[in-house]
Protein backbone atom coordinates (compact mmCIF):
# COMPACT_ATOMS: atom_id res chain seq x y z
CA UNK A 1 -0.22 -0.26 0.18
CA UNK A 2 1.34 3.43 -0.88
CA UNK A 3 1.10 6.52 1.01
CA UNK A 4 -1.95 8.26 1.29
CA UNK A 5 -0.61 11.62 1.31
CA UNK A 6 2.21 11.85 -1.42
CA UNK A 7 1.65 8.24 -3.14
CA UNK A 8 5.17 8.14 -3.52
CA UNK A 9 6.35 5.68 -1.02
CA UNK A 10 5.55 2.60 1.26
CA UNK A 11 3.16 2.90 3.96
CA UNK A 12 4.28 1.69 7.65
CA UNK A 13 2.86 4.25 9.91
CA UNK A 14 -0.60 4.50 10.80
CA UNK A 15 -2.02 7.79 11.39
CA UNK A 16 -4.48 8.93 13.84
CA UNK A 17 -6.80 11.87 12.86
CA UNK A 18 -7.19 12.69 16.47
CA UNK A 19 -3.96 11.48 17.86
CA UNK A 20 -4.08 8.87 20.72
CA UNK A 21 -2.63 11.28 23.63
CA UNK A 22 -6.35 13.46 23.65
CA UNK A 23 -8.97 10.51 23.02
CA UNK A 24 -9.61 10.91 27.58
CA UNK A 25 -9.95 15.02 26.55
CA UNK A 26 -13.21 15.75 27.85
CA UNK A 27 -13.45 18.56 24.59
CA UNK A 28 -12.99 15.55 21.96
CA UNK A 29 -14.95 13.22 23.93
CA UNK A 30 -17.80 15.04 23.81
CA UNK A 31 -18.03 15.59 19.95
CA UNK A 32 -16.05 12.68 18.30
CA UNK A 33 -17.06 8.77 18.72
CA UNK A 34 -14.96 6.39 19.95
CA UNK A 35 -15.24 5.16 15.65
CA UNK A 36 -14.28 8.72 15.07
CA UNK A 37 -11.38 8.68 17.26
CA UNK A 38 -10.01 5.59 15.32
CA UNK A 39 -9.88 7.09 11.76
CA UNK A 40 -6.92 7.77 10.02
CA UNK A 41 -4.60 6.62 7.14
CA UNK A 42 -1.88 5.15 6.09
CA UNK A 43 1.44 7.51 5.93
CA UNK A 44 5.12 6.36 4.98
CA UNK A 45 7.37 7.90 7.68
CA UNK A 46 8.08 10.57 6.27
CA UNK A 47 4.80 11.92 5.67
CA UNK A 48 4.25 10.71 9.06
CA UNK A 49 7.07 12.78 10.74
CA UNK A 50 6.65 15.75 8.42
CA UNK A 51 2.91 16.14 9.47
CA UNK A 52 3.99 15.69 14.23
CA UNK A 53 7.18 18.41 12.98
CA UNK A 54 5.09 20.18 11.32
CA UNK A 55 2.02 20.71 13.50
CA UNK A 56 3.57 19.77 16.85
CA UNK A 57 1.11 20.20 19.08
CA UNK A 58 -1.99 17.47 19.35
CA UNK A 59 -5.05 19.07 20.21
CA UNK A 60 -4.89 21.52 17.15
CA UNK A 61 -4.26 18.44 15.05
CA UNK A 62 -6.39 16.93 16.00
CA UNK A 63 -9.50 20.08 16.64
CA UNK A 64 -8.00 21.38 13.30
CA UNK A 65 -6.38 18.58 10.53
CA UNK A 66 -8.51 15.83 11.60
CA UNK A 67 -9.19 14.44 7.46
CA UNK A 68 -6.96 14.08 4.62
CA UNK A 69 -7.99 16.98 3.43
CA UNK A 70 -8.19 19.54 6.45
CA UNK A 71 -4.26 17.76 6.62
CA UNK A 72 -3.37 18.82 2.78
CA UNK A 73 -5.09 22.48 4.07
CA UNK A 74 -2.55 22.74 6.10
CA UNK A 75 0.08 25.65 3.72
CA UNK A 76 3.56 23.67 4.83
CA UNK A 77 2.29 20.37 4.92
CA UNK A 78 0.69 20.59 1.60
CA UNK A 79 3.85 21.99 0.34
CA UNK A 80 6.09 19.07 1.37
CA UNK A 81 3.79 17.33 -0.21
CA UNK A 82 4.42 18.89 -2.71
CA UNK A 83 8.13 18.59 -2.60
CA UNK A 84 7.61 15.07 -2.68
CA UNK A 85 5.75 14.01 -5.18
CA UNK A 86 7.68 16.82 -7.56
CA UNK A 87 11.12 14.54 -6.59
CA UNK A 88 9.85 10.91 -7.19
CA UNK A 89 8.94 13.01 -10.90
CA UNK A 90 4.58 12.52 -10.13
């Protein structure tokens, strides 16, 4: 399976849209079901690292970047994914 962001590398990492560290937080428990908190995408190591490097606040990540589309709306992450795809030539 290829990375669901860059389509360049094999996916070896599962990224939870809502980080597991905030699953017990009241704000998240009120707004998301258990099933929603389990959702995520398969990523390559580079893309997974880029997400957590560029958006280090896990509450911000869970609140504002909790879908693939929302992740790609982050300007610096979108630029990283674009760069990675161009580097591959696709």
